[in-house]
Protein backbone atom coordinates (compact mmCIF):
# COMPACT_ATOMS: atom_id res chain seq x y z
CA LEU A 1 -234.76 37.09 -140.73
CA GLU A 2 -236.23 35.02 -137.88
CA GLU A 3 -238.27 38.38 -136.74
CA VAL A 4 -239.59 38.67 -140.25
CA ILE A 5 -240.89 35.05 -140.21
CA VAL A 6 -242.53 35.52 -136.85
CA LEU A 7 -244.18 38.72 -137.85
CA ALA A 8 -245.25 37.21 -141.11
CA LEU A 9 -246.78 34.15 -139.26
CA GLN A 10 -248.45 36.73 -136.90
CA LYS A 11 -249.90 38.57 -139.98
CA GLY A 12 -251.11 35.26 -141.55
CA SER A 13 -253.05 34.26 -138.67
CA GLN A 14 -254.76 37.57 -138.34
CA SER A 15 -255.66 37.95 -141.94
CA SER A 16 -259.32 37.96 -142.91
CA SER A 17 -258.76 35.02 -145.26
CA VAL A 18 -257.92 32.68 -142.41
CA GLN A 19 -259.74 34.10 -139.37
CA SER A 20 -257.83 31.78 -136.84
CA ALA A 21 -255.11 32.20 -134.59
CA LEU A 22 -251.58 30.34 -134.87
CA SER A 23 -249.62 29.06 -131.90
CA GLN A 24 -247.34 31.70 -130.94
CA PRO A 25 -244.34 31.52 -133.15
CA GLN A 26 -241.14 31.30 -131.21
CA ARG A 27 -237.37 31.06 -131.28
CA LEU A 28 -235.70 28.12 -129.43
CA GLU A 29 -232.48 28.64 -127.47
CA GLY A 30 -229.51 27.59 -129.37
CA LEU A 31 -231.34 26.71 -132.42
CA THR A 32 -231.92 28.64 -135.64
CA GLY A 33 -235.21 29.04 -137.29
CA VAL A 34 -238.86 29.52 -136.19
CA TRP A 35 -240.88 27.08 -134.12
CA LEU A 36 -244.49 26.35 -133.58
CA ASP A 37 -245.44 24.04 -130.65
CA ASN A 38 -241.91 22.94 -130.65
CA GLN A 39 -241.77 21.95 -134.38
CA LYS A 40 -239.67 23.64 -136.80
CA VAL A 41 -241.75 25.74 -139.32
CA ALA A 42 -238.98 27.73 -140.91
CA ALA A 43 -235.35 27.65 -141.54
CA LEU A 44 -232.89 30.34 -142.55
CA GLY A 45 -229.38 30.56 -143.72
CA ILE A 46 -226.77 33.44 -143.92
CA LYS A 47 -223.38 33.29 -145.72
CA CYS A 48 -220.64 35.92 -145.68
CA LYS A 49 -217.72 35.48 -148.08
CA ARG A 50 -215.36 38.17 -149.49
CA TRP A 51 -217.48 41.17 -148.31
CA VAL A 52 -220.72 39.60 -150.03
CA THR A 53 -223.53 38.31 -147.91
CA GLN A 54 -226.26 35.79 -149.00
CA HIS A 55 -229.23 34.84 -147.10
CA GLY A 56 -232.33 32.83 -147.68
CA LEU A 57 -235.33 31.46 -145.75
CA ALA A 58 -237.70 28.70 -146.22
CA VAL A 59 -241.08 28.39 -144.47
CA ASN A 60 -243.23 25.20 -144.74
CA VAL A 61 -246.54 26.55 -145.54
CA GLU A 62 -248.60 23.60 -147.25
CA SER A 63 -248.54 20.04 -145.92
CA GLN A 64 -247.50 18.48 -149.22
CA CYS A 65 -243.93 19.96 -148.56
CA LEU A 66 -243.44 17.72 -145.36
CA SER A 67 -243.20 14.65 -147.60
CA ASN A 68 -239.64 15.97 -148.45
CA PHE A 69 -238.49 15.41 -144.94
CA ARG A 70 -239.20 11.57 -144.75
CA GLY A 71 -236.11 9.61 -144.29
CA ILE A 72 -233.91 12.56 -143.36
CA VAL A 73 -233.14 14.39 -140.28
CA PRO A 74 -233.95 18.06 -141.20
CA CYS A 75 -231.42 20.46 -140.18
CA GLY A 76 -229.43 17.72 -138.65
CA LEU A 77 -231.78 18.10 -135.56
CA GLU A 78 -232.23 14.59 -134.04
CA GLY A 79 -235.58 14.20 -132.46
CA LYS A 80 -236.88 17.41 -133.51
CA GLN A 81 -240.06 17.55 -135.90
CA VAL A 82 -240.89 19.74 -138.80
CA THR A 83 -244.29 21.15 -139.47
CA CYS A 84 -246.12 23.38 -141.80
CA VAL A 85 -248.32 26.56 -141.21
CA ASN A 86 -251.36 25.05 -142.28
CA HIS A 87 -251.24 22.23 -139.62
CA HIS A 88 -251.46 24.94 -137.00
CA LEU A 89 -254.70 26.34 -138.37
CA PRO A 90 -258.03 24.87 -137.45
CA SER A 91 -259.84 22.97 -140.12
CA ALA A 92 -262.60 24.60 -141.98
CA ALA A 93 -265.46 25.32 -139.72
CA ASN A 94 -268.96 24.31 -140.92
CA THR A 95 -272.07 25.26 -139.06
CA ASN A 96 -275.38 23.65 -139.90
CA THR A 97 -278.05 23.37 -137.26
CA GLU A 98 -281.54 21.61 -137.54
CA ALA A 99 -283.45 24.89 -137.31
CA SER A 100 -281.46 26.44 -140.09
CA THR A 101 -280.12 25.24 -143.40
CA THR A 102 -277.12 27.95 -143.33
CA THR A 103 -273.73 26.65 -143.87
CA THR A 104 -270.67 28.84 -142.76
CA THR A 105 -267.38 27.96 -144.26
CA THR A 106 -264.21 29.75 -142.86
CA LYS A 107 -261.08 29.40 -144.92
CA SER A 108 -258.38 27.71 -142.73
CA SER A 109 -255.41 27.43 -144.89
CA LEU A 110 -252.90 29.78 -146.76
CA THR A 111 -251.37 29.22 -150.08
CA VAL A 112 -247.60 29.90 -150.51
CA ALA A 113 -248.43 32.90 -152.75
CA GLU A 114 -250.75 34.35 -149.82
CA PHE A 115 -247.82 33.63 -147.34
CA GLY A 116 -245.37 35.30 -149.63
CA LYS A 117 -247.37 38.66 -149.21
CA PHE A 118 -247.12 38.41 -145.62
CA ILE A 119 -243.33 37.77 -145.72
CA GLN A 120 -242.90 40.77 -148.08
CA GLU A 121 -244.99 42.97 -145.65
CA ALA A 122 -243.01 41.72 -142.73
CA PHE A 123 -239.74 42.20 -144.42
CA GLU A 124 -240.50 45.82 -145.41
CA GLU A 125 -241.65 46.59 -141.85
CA ILE A 126 -238.60 44.98 -140.20
CA PHE A 127 -235.99 46.59 -142.41
CA CYS A 128 -237.80 49.81 -143.40
CA VAL A 129 -237.59 49.25 -146.89
CA GLU A 130 -239.96 48.93 -149.92
CA LEU A 131 -239.60 45.94 -152.10
CA VAL A 132 -240.40 46.25 -155.58
CA ASP A 133 -240.84 43.76 -158.39
CA VAL A 134 -238.09 43.69 -161.10
CA THR A 135 -237.85 41.45 -164.18
CA GLU A 136 -234.62 39.97 -165.40
CA ASN A 137 -234.74 42.47 -168.35
CA ASP A 138 -234.96 45.37 -165.91
CA ILE A 139 -231.68 44.13 -164.36
CA TYR A 140 -229.77 43.77 -167.54
CA LYS A 141 -231.18 47.26 -168.72
CA ASN A 142 -229.84 48.71 -165.40
CA ARG A 143 -226.48 47.12 -165.73
CA SER A 144 -226.04 48.24 -169.46
CA SER A 145 -226.97 51.88 -168.67
CA ASN A 146 -224.62 51.99 -165.65
CA ASN A 147 -221.77 50.86 -167.92
CA LYS A 148 -222.10 53.60 -170.58
């Protein structure tokens, strides 16, 4: 799962909508999650119980999510900081010269929805699967048709 996040971060920094490069995402020895510039940008968890596995991941994309970490020690890691993806993207670049009135703006942040697409692409690539959208009704239809 860490590799999925690393690949998604790389895809996000190479996307045409962002047009900038993130710091190299990395893993830190003995710590879970994914890190940018020695700050934790993503956490993950895995649980196995009675032959059932559960897993999850969380990536801090937008800066507003960081307010959730005020007053706590995230993941119990004393002295470690958390960050978000958008803090590691350069701010919008505006170019305006005296000889020209042209202004160029480059998008420099990702939305959670945009980053979710990179996570999906990375997950499919790493695990060699195709993820499909399923509604709650689809799940119940499959359960009832399998019980006949």
